[in-house]
Amino acid sequence: NQFQAWVAIAPVRVSEFLAAGELQGRLTHRVQARHNAALAAVQSKWRILYGARVLVIEGPPRNLDEANRVVEFLCGEGMREE
């Protein structure tokens, strides 16, 4: 299932950690889009493609202020998928 939507993407935090003997970097983002039923039903196993970048959704979508206007996702980039 793929669909396109206009979103606002803002970096939140950068961190580094040691995994498998290598230094890994990780960047988290806040992704916001206009509320609609399809976006409100997104599951955390889905991914957001932004050009060649893959953002991993880290939890359920948030309906900001419960106003059905903006849906927000917290995402990670630069981490290995399990």
PDB file of N, CA and C in Angstrom:
ATOM      1  N   ASN A   1       0.837  -1.184   0.000  1.00  0.00           N
ATOM      2  CA  ASN A   1       0.000   0.000   0.000  1.00  0.00           C
ATOM      3  C   ASN A   1       0.877   1.240   0.000  1.00  0.00           C
ATOM      4  N   GLN A   2       0.790   1.999  -1.059  1.00  0.00           N
ATOM      5  CA  GLN A   2       1.531   3.246  -1.137  1.00  0.00           C
ATOM      6  C   GLN A   2       0.581   4.377  -1.484  1.00  0.00           C
ATOM      7  N   PHE A   3       0.816   5.520  -0.889  1.00  0.00           N
ATOM      8  CA  PHE A   3       0.102   6.723  -1.283  1.00  0.00           C
ATOM      9  C   PHE A   3       1.005   7.904  -1.008  1.00  0.00           C
ATOM     10  N   GLN A   4       0.696   9.022  -1.629  1.00  0.00           N
ATOM     11  CA  GLN A   4       1.499  10.221  -1.473  1.00  0.00           C
ATOM     12  C   GLN A   4       0.729  11.262  -0.682  1.00  0.00           C
ATOM     13  N   ALA A   5       1.470  12.041   0.091  1.00  0.00           N
ATOM     14  CA  ALA A   5       0.865  13.126   0.861  1.00  0.00           C
ATOM     15  C   ALA A   5       1.909  14.220   1.046  1.00  0.00           C
ATOM     16  N   TRP A   6       1.457  15.459   1.105  1.00  0.00           N
ATOM     17  CA  TRP A   6       2.331  16.573   1.433  1.00  0.00           C
ATOM     18  C   TRP A   6       2.561  16.545   2.935  1.00  0.00           C
ATOM     19  N   VAL A   7       3.826  16.636   3.335  1.00  0.00           N
ATOM     20  CA  VAL A   7       4.153  16.594   4.758  1.00  0.00           C
ATOM     21  C   VAL A   7       5.185  17.667   5.085  1.00  0.00           C
ATOM     22  N   ALA A   8       5.285  17.979   6.368  1.00  0.00           N
ATOM     23  CA  ALA A   8       6.347  18.829   6.897  1.00  0.00           C
ATOM     24  C   ALA A   8       7.248  17.924   7.728  1.00  0.00           C
ATOM     25  N   ILE A   9       8.543  17.950   7.444  1.00  0.00           N
ATOM     26  CA  ILE A   9       9.497  17.104   8.158  1.00  0.00           C
ATOM     27  C   ILE A   9      10.490  18.002   8.876  1.00  0.00           C
ATOM     28  N   ALA A  10      10.661  17.763  10.179  1.00  0.00           N
ATOM     29  CA  ALA A  10      11.600  18.557  10.974  1.00  0.00           C
ATOM     30  C   ALA A  10      12.476  17.623  11.800  1.00  0.00           C
ATOM     31  N   PRO A  11      13.798  17.828  11.778  1.00  0.00           N
ATOM     32  CA  PRO A  11      14.671  17.018  12.624  1.00  0.00           C
ATOM     33  C   PRO A  11      14.421  17.322  14.097  1.00  0.00           C
ATOM     34  N   VAL A  12      14.550  16.290  14.930  1.00  0.00           N
ATOM     35  CA  VAL A  12      14.309  16.454  16.358  1.00  0.00           C
ATOM     36  C   VAL A  12      15.600  16.248  17.147  1.00  0.00           C
ATOM     37  N   ARG A  13      16.314  15.148  16.847  1.00  0.00           N
ATOM     38  CA  ARG A  13      17.488  14.806  17.664  1.00  0.00           C
ATOM     39  C   ARG A  13      18.462  13.969  16.836  1.00  0.00           C
ATOM     40  N   VAL A  14      19.759  14.117  17.138  1.00  0.00           N
ATOM     41  CA  VAL A  14      20.805  13.304  16.530  1.00  0.00           C
ATOM     42  C   VAL A  14      21.519  12.574  17.654  1.00  0.00           C
ATOM     43  N   SER A  15      21.793  11.278  17.438  1.00  0.00           N
ATOM     44  CA  SER A  15      22.535  10.527  18.452  1.00  0.00           C
ATOM     45  C   SER A  15      23.460   9.531  17.772  1.00  0.00           C
ATOM     46  N   GLU A  16      24.461   9.110  18.494  1.00  0.00           N
ATOM     47  CA  GLU A  16      25.389   8.081  18.013  1.00  0.00           C
ATOM     48  C   GLU A  16      25.448   6.973  19.041  1.00  0.00           C
ATOM     49  N   PHE A  17      25.643   5.743  18.556  1.00  0.00           N
ATOM     50  CA  PHE A  17      25.743   4.604  19.456  1.00  0.00           C
ATOM     51  C   PHE A  17      26.617   3.544  18.813  1.00  0.00           C
ATOM     52  N   LEU A  18      27.113   2.637  19.629  1.00  0.00           N
ATOM     53  CA  LEU A  18      27.966   1.549  19.162  1.00  0.00           C
ATOM     54  C   LEU A  18      27.106   0.310  18.971  1.00  0.00           C
ATOM     55  N   ALA A  19      27.113  -0.249  17.759  1.00  0.00           N
ATOM     56  CA  ALA A  19      26.354  -1.470  17.467  1.00  0.00           C
ATOM     57  C   ALA A  19      27.195  -2.356  16.573  1.00  0.00           C
ATOM     58  N   ALA A  20      27.308  -3.610  16.937  1.00  0.00           N
ATOM     59  CA  ALA A  20      28.091  -4.586  16.162  1.00  0.00           C
ATOM     60  C   ALA A  20      29.515  -4.092  15.939  1.00  0.00           C
ATOM     61  N   GLY A  21      30.076  -3.435  16.940  1.00  0.00           N
ATOM     62  CA  GLY A  21      31.448  -2.961  16.873  1.00  0.00           C
ATOM     63  C   GLY A  21      31.654  -1.744  15.979  1.00  0.00           C
ATOM     64  N   GLU A  22      30.573  -1.139  15.499  1.00  0.00           N
ATOM     65  CA  GLU A  22      30.678   0.031  14.636  1.00  0.00           C
ATOM     66  C   GLU A  22      29.896   1.199  15.229  1.00  0.00           C
ATOM     67  N   LEU A  23      30.409   2.401  15.012  1.00  0.00           N
ATOM     68  CA  LEU A  23      29.704   3.592  15.452  1.00  0.00           C
ATOM     69  C   LEU A  23      28.561   3.862  14.481  1.00  0.00           C
ATOM     70  N   GLN A  24      27.353   3.957  15.005  1.00  0.00           N
ATOM     71  CA  GLN A  24      26.151   4.181  14.187  1.00  0.00           C
ATOM     72  C   GLN A  24      25.577   5.547  14.535  1.00  0.00           C
ATOM     73  N   GLY A  25      25.024   6.204  13.545  1.00  0.00           N
ATOM     74  CA  GLY A  25      24.356   7.476  13.772  1.00  0.00           C
ATOM     75  C   GLY A  25      22.857   7.295  13.618  1.00  0.00           C
ATOM     76  N   ARG A  26      22.101   8.119  14.307  1.00  0.00           N
ATOM     77  CA  ARG A  26      20.649   8.025  14.225  1.00  0.00           C
ATOM     78  C   ARG A  26      20.073   9.432  14.327  1.00  0.00           C
ATOM     79  N   LEU A  27      19.146   9.729  13.446  1.00  0.00           N
ATOM     80  CA  LEU A  27      18.484  11.019  13.416  1.00  0.00           C
ATOM     81  C   LEU A  27      16.993  10.777  13.562  1.00  0.00           C
ATOM     82  N   THR A  28      16.336  11.519  14.442  1.00  0.00           N
ATOM     83  CA  THR A  28      14.887  11.383  14.574  1.00  0.00           C
ATOM     84  C   THR A  28      14.213  12.611  13.973  1.00  0.00           C
ATOM     85  N   HIS A  29      12.999  12.394  13.467  1.00  0.00           N
ATOM     86  CA  HIS A  29      12.248  13.436  12.794  1.00  0.00           C
ATOM     87  C   HIS A  29      10.823  13.481  13.313  1.00  0.00           C
ATOM     88  N   ARG A  30      10.219  14.640  13.206  1.00  0.00           N
ATOM     89  CA  ARG A  30       8.788  14.812  13.433  1.00  0.00           C
ATOM     90  C   ARG A  30       8.186  15.059  12.056  1.00  0.00           C
ATOM     91  N   VAL A  31       7.229  14.227  11.661  1.00  0.00           N
ATOM     92  CA  VAL A  31       6.583  14.341  10.352  1.00  0.00           C
ATOM     93  C   VAL A  31       5.119  14.688  10.593  1.00  0.00           C
ATOM     94  N   GLN A  32       4.654  15.785   9.999  1.00  0.00           N
ATOM     95  CA  GLN A  32       3.268  16.217  10.168  1.00  0.00           C
ATOM     96  C   GLN A  32       2.592  16.326   8.811  1.00  0.00           C
ATOM     97  N   ALA A  33       1.324  15.914   8.763  1.00  0.00           N
ATOM     98  CA  ALA A  33       0.533  15.970   7.536  1.00  0.00           C
ATOM     99  C   ALA A  33      -0.891  16.363   7.887  1.00  0.00           C
ATOM    100  N   ARG A  34      -1.617  16.839   6.889  1.00  0.00           N
ATOM    101  CA  ARG A  34      -3.029  17.150   7.086  1.00  0.00           C
ATOM    102  C   ARG A  34      -3.769  15.854   7.398  1.00  0.00           C
ATOM    103  N   HIS A  35      -4.633  15.897   8.382  1.00  0.00           N
ATOM    104  CA  HIS A  35      -5.361  14.707   8.831  1.00  0.00           C
ATOM    105  C   HIS A  35      -6.261  14.164   7.728  1.00  0.00           C
ATOM    106  N   ASN A  36      -6.223  12.857   7.546  1.00  0.00           N
ATOM    107  CA  ASN A  36      -7.223  12.158   6.741  1.00  0.00           C
ATOM    108  C   ASN A  36      -7.289  10.726   7.254  1.00  0.00           C
ATOM    109  N   ALA A  37      -8.316  10.001   6.885  1.00  0.00           N
ATOM    110  CA  ALA A  37      -8.542   8.657   7.429  1.00  0.00           C
ATOM    111  C   ALA A  37      -7.394   7.707   7.105  1.00  0.00           C
ATOM    112  N   ALA A  38      -6.823   7.806   5.904  1.00  0.00           N
ATOM    113  CA  ALA A  38      -5.727   6.914   5.518  1.00  0.00           C
ATOM    114  C   ALA A  38      -4.497   7.135   6.393  1.00  0.00           C
ATOM    115  N   LEU A  39      -4.137   8.386   6.649  1.00  0.00           N
ATOM    116  CA  LEU A  39      -2.967   8.659   7.484  1.00  0.00           C
ATOM    117  C   LEU A  39      -3.225   8.319   8.942  1.00  0.00           C
ATOM    118  N   ALA A  40      -4.428   8.520   9.407  1.00  0.00           N
ATOM    119  CA  ALA A  40      -4.755   8.196  10.796  1.00  0.00           C
ATOM    120  C   ALA A  40      -4.685   6.692  11.044  1.00  0.00           C
ATOM    121  N   ALA A  41      -4.768   5.879   9.981  1.00  0.00           N
ATOM    122  CA  ALA A  41      -4.731   4.422  10.112  1.00  0.00           C
ATOM    123  C   ALA A  41      -3.345   3.833   9.864  1.00  0.00           C
ATOM    124  N   VAL A  42      -2.331   4.668   9.654  1.00  0.00           N
ATOM    125  CA  VAL A  42      -0.973   4.179   9.401  1.00  0.00           C
ATOM    126  C   VAL A  42      -0.494   3.348  10.580  1.00  0.00           C
ATOM    127  N   GLN A  43       0.211   2.271  10.277  1.00  0.00           N
ATOM    128  CA  GLN A  43       0.739   1.380  11.313  1.00  0.00           C
ATOM    129  C   GLN A  43       2.234   1.620  11.477  1.00  0.00           C
ATOM    130  N   SER A  44       2.760   1.327  12.659  1.00  0.00           N
ATOM    131  CA  SER A  44       4.166   1.600  12.935  1.00  0.00           C
ATOM    132  C   SER A  44       5.109   0.713  12.131  1.00  0.00           C
ATOM    133  N   LYS A  45       4.628  -0.352  11.521  1.00  0.00           N
ATOM    134  CA  LYS A  45       5.512  -1.184  10.694  1.00  0.00           C
ATOM    135  C   LYS A  45       5.691  -0.580   9.295  1.00  0.00           C
ATOM    136  N   TRP A  46       4.936   0.443   8.957  1.00  0.00           N
ATOM    137  CA  TRP A  46       5.059   1.106   7.664  1.00  0.00           C
ATOM    138  C   TRP A  46       6.274   2.029   7.669  1.00  0.00           C
ATOM    139  N   ARG A  47       6.683   2.480   6.504  1.00  0.00           N
ATOM    140  CA  ARG A  47       7.826   3.379   6.348  1.00  0.00           C
ATOM    141  C   ARG A  47       7.389   4.605   5.568  1.00  0.00           C
ATOM    142  N   ILE A  48       8.091   5.704   5.793  1.00  0.00           N
ATOM    143  CA  ILE A  48       7.869   6.917   5.018  1.00  0.00           C
ATOM    144  C   ILE A  48       9.072   7.084   4.101  1.00  0.00           C
ATOM    145  N   LEU A  49       8.815   7.187   2.812  1.00  0.00           N
ATOM    146  CA  LEU A  49       9.883   7.391   1.835  1.00  0.00           C
ATOM    147  C   LEU A  49       9.946   8.876   1.518  1.00  0.00           C
ATOM    148  N   TYR A  50      11.129   9.452   1.684  1.00  0.00           N
ATOM    149  CA  TYR A  50      11.347  10.873   1.416  1.00  0.00           C
ATOM    150  C   TYR A  50      12.537  10.954   0.468  1.00  0.00           C
ATOM    151  N   GLY A  51      12.260  10.976  -0.829  1.00  0.00           N
ATOM    152  CA  GLY A  51      13.333  10.866  -1.815  1.00  0.00           C
ATOM    153  C   GLY A  51      13.961   9.492  -1.674  1.00  0.00           C
ATOM    154  N   ALA A  52      15.287   9.442  -1.502  1.00  0.00           N
ATOM    155  CA  ALA A  52      15.987   8.170  -1.317  1.00  0.00           C
ATOM    156  C   ALA A  52      16.072   7.779   0.158  1.00  0.00           C
ATOM    157  N   ARG A  53      15.529   8.599   1.044  1.00  0.00           N
ATOM    158  CA  ARG A  53      15.625   8.339   2.486  1.00  0.00           C
ATOM    159  C   ARG A  53      14.426   7.528   2.957  1.00  0.00           C
ATOM    160  N   VAL A  54      14.674   6.686   3.948  1.00  0.00           N
ATOM    161  CA  VAL A  54      13.617   5.868   4.547  1.00  0.00           C
ATOM    162  C   VAL A  54      13.486   6.256   6.010  1.00  0.00           C
ATOM    163  N   LEU A  55      12.295   6.702   6.392  1.00  0.00           N
ATOM    164  CA  LEU A  55      12.024   7.064   7.780  1.00  0.00           C
ATOM    165  C   LEU A  55      11.188   5.949   8.403  1.00  0.00           C
ATOM    166  N   VAL A  56      11.660   5.431   9.524  1.00  0.00           N
ATOM    167  CA  VAL A  56      10.991   4.339  10.218  1.00  0.00           C
ATOM    168  C   VAL A  56      10.037   4.934  11.248  1.00  0.00           C
ATOM    169  N   ILE A  57       8.750   4.635  11.110  1.00  0.00           N
ATOM    170  CA  ILE A  57       7.741   5.152  12.040  1.00  0.00           C
ATOM    171  C   ILE A  57       7.918   4.448  13.380  1.00  0.00           C
ATOM    172  N   GLU A  58       8.021   5.214  14.460  1.00  0.00           N
ATOM    173  CA  GLU A  58       8.344   4.648  15.767  1.00  0.00           C
ATOM    174  C   GLU A  58       7.161   4.516  16.716  1.00  0.00           C
ATOM    175  N   GLY A  59       5.974   4.713  16.242  1.00  0.00           N
ATOM    176  CA  GLY A  59       4.807   4.573  17.107  1.00  0.00           C
ATOM    177  C   GLY A  59       3.546   4.915  16.346  1.00  0.00           C
ATOM    178  N   PRO A  60       2.425   4.884  17.012  1.00  0.00           N
ATOM    179  CA  PRO A  60       1.171   5.190  16.331  1.00  0.00           C
ATOM    180  C   PRO A  60       1.093   6.672  15.964  1.00  0.00           C
ATOM    181  N   PRO A  61       0.307   7.015  14.949  1.00  0.00           N
ATOM    182  CA  PRO A  61       0.133   8.427  14.601  1.00  0.00           C
ATOM    183  C   PRO A  61      -0.574   9.174  15.722  1.00  0.00           C
ATOM    184  N   ARG A  62      -0.232  10.457  15.859  1.00  0.00           N
ATOM    185  CA  ARG A  62      -0.876  11.294  16.874  1.00  0.00           C
ATOM    186  C   ARG A  62      -1.792  12.290  16.176  1.00  0.00           C
ATOM    187  N   ASN A  63      -3.019  12.372  16.626  1.00  0.00           N
ATOM    188  CA  ASN A  63      -3.984  13.360  16.143  1.00  0.00           C
ATOM    189  C   ASN A  63      -3.796  14.588  17.042  1.00  0.00           C
ATOM    190  N   LEU A  64      -3.044  15.573  16.562  1.00  0.00           N
ATOM    191  CA  LEU A  64      -2.690  16.717  17.404  1.00  0.00           C
ATOM    192  C   LEU A  64      -3.929  17.454  17.885  1.00  0.00           C
ATOM    193  N   ASP A  65      -3.964  17.700  19.159  1.00  0.00           N
ATOM    194  CA  ASP A  65      -5.064  18.396  19.832  1.00  0.00           C
ATOM    195  C   ASP A  65      -6.426  17.722  19.619  1.00  0.00           C
ATOM    196  N   GLU A  66      -6.411  16.470  19.140  1.00  0.00           N
ATOM    197  CA  GLU A  66      -7.662  15.724  18.875  1.00  0.00           C
ATOM    198  C   GLU A  66      -8.610  16.544  18.006  1.00  0.00           C
ATOM    199  N   ALA A  67      -8.037  17.342  17.100  1.00  0.00           N
ATOM    200  CA  ALA A  67      -8.834  18.263  16.284  1.00  0.00           C
ATOM    201  C   ALA A  67      -9.085  17.756  14.864  1.00  0.00           C
ATOM    202  N   ASN A  68      -8.534  16.578  14.524  1.00  0.00           N
ATOM    203  CA  ASN A  68      -8.671  16.023  13.172  1.00  0.00           C
ATOM    204  C   ASN A  68      -8.189  16.996  12.094  1.00  0.00           C
ATOM    205  N   ARG A  69      -7.098  17.702  12.413  1.00  0.00           N
ATOM    206  CA  ARG A  69      -6.509  18.641  11.448  1.00  0.00           C
ATOM    207  C   ARG A  69      -5.105  18.219  11.048  1.00  0.00           C
ATOM    208  N   VAL A  70      -4.299  17.764  12.026  1.00  0.00           N
ATOM    209  CA  VAL A  70      -2.906  17.405  11.771  1.00  0.00           C
ATOM    210  C   VAL A  70      -2.615  16.048  12.393  1.00  0.00           C
ATOM    211  N   VAL A  71      -1.959  15.186  11.599  1.00  0.00           N
ATOM    212  CA  VAL A  71      -1.487  13.888  12.084  1.00  0.00           C
ATOM    213  C   VAL A  71       0.029  13.987  12.181  1.00  0.00           C
ATOM    214  N   GLU A  72       0.591  13.515  13.292  1.00  0.00           N
ATOM    215  CA  GLU A  72       2.033  13.598  13.504  1.00  0.00           C
ATOM    216  C   GLU A  72       2.608  12.210  13.730  1.00  0.00           C
ATOM    217  N   PHE A  73       3.789  11.986  13.134  1.00  0.00           N
ATOM    218  CA  PHE A  73       4.524  10.731  13.315  1.00  0.00           C
ATOM    219  C   PHE A  73       5.912  11.064  13.845  1.00  0.00           C
ATOM    220  N   LEU A  74       6.401  10.277  14.778  1.00  0.00           N
ATOM    221  CA  LEU A  74       7.799  10.362  15.194  1.00  0.00           C
ATOM    222  C   LEU A  74       8.523   9.246  14.477  1.00  0.00           C
ATOM    223  N   CYS A  75       9.624   9.597  13.803  1.00  0.00           N
ATOM    224  CA  CYS A  75      10.325   8.649  12.936  1.00  0.00           C
ATOM    225  C   CYS A  75      11.811   8.652  13.235  1.00  0.00           C
ATOM    226  N   GLY A  76      12.471   7.552  12.902  1.00  0.00           N
ATOM    227  CA  GLY A  76      13.914   7.441  13.020  1.00  0.00           C
ATOM    228  C   GLY A  76      14.528   7.206  11.657  1.00  0.00           C
ATOM    229  N   GLU A  77      15.752   7.685  11.482  1.00  0.00           N
ATOM    230  CA  GLU A  77      16.491   7.484  10.238  1.00  0.00           C
ATOM    231  C   GLU A  77      17.918   7.109  10.604  1.00  0.00           C
ATOM    232  N   GLY A  78      18.513   6.257   9.802  1.00  0.00           N
ATOM    233  CA  GLY A  78      19.902   5.894  10.040  1.00  0.00           C
ATOM    234  C   GLY A  78      20.057   4.795  11.057  1.00  0.00           C
ATOM    235  N   MET A  79      19.019   3.986  11.230  1.00  0.00           N
ATOM    236  CA  MET A  79      19.121   2.850  12.135  1.00  0.00           C
ATOM    237  C   MET A  79      18.844   1.589  11.354  1.00  0.00           C
ATOM    238  N   ARG A  80      19.421   0.521  11.789  1.00  0.00           N
ATOM    239  CA  ARG A  80      19.203  -0.759  11.123  1.00  0.00           C
ATOM    240  C   ARG A  80      17.852  -1.314  11.474  1.00  0.00           C
ATOM    241  N   GLU A  81      17.171  -1.826  10.454  1.00  0.00           N
ATOM    242  CA  GLU A  81      15.874  -2.446  10.703  1.00  0.00           C
ATOM    243  C   GLU A  81      16.082  -3.872  11.149  1.00  0.00           C
ATOM    244  N   GLU A  82      15.231  -4.335  12.041  1.00  0.00           N
ATOM    245  CA  GLU A  82      15.329  -5.698  12.558  1.00  0.00           C
ATOM    246  C   GLU A  82      14.569  -6.630  11.659  1.00  0.00           C
TER     247      GLU A  82
END
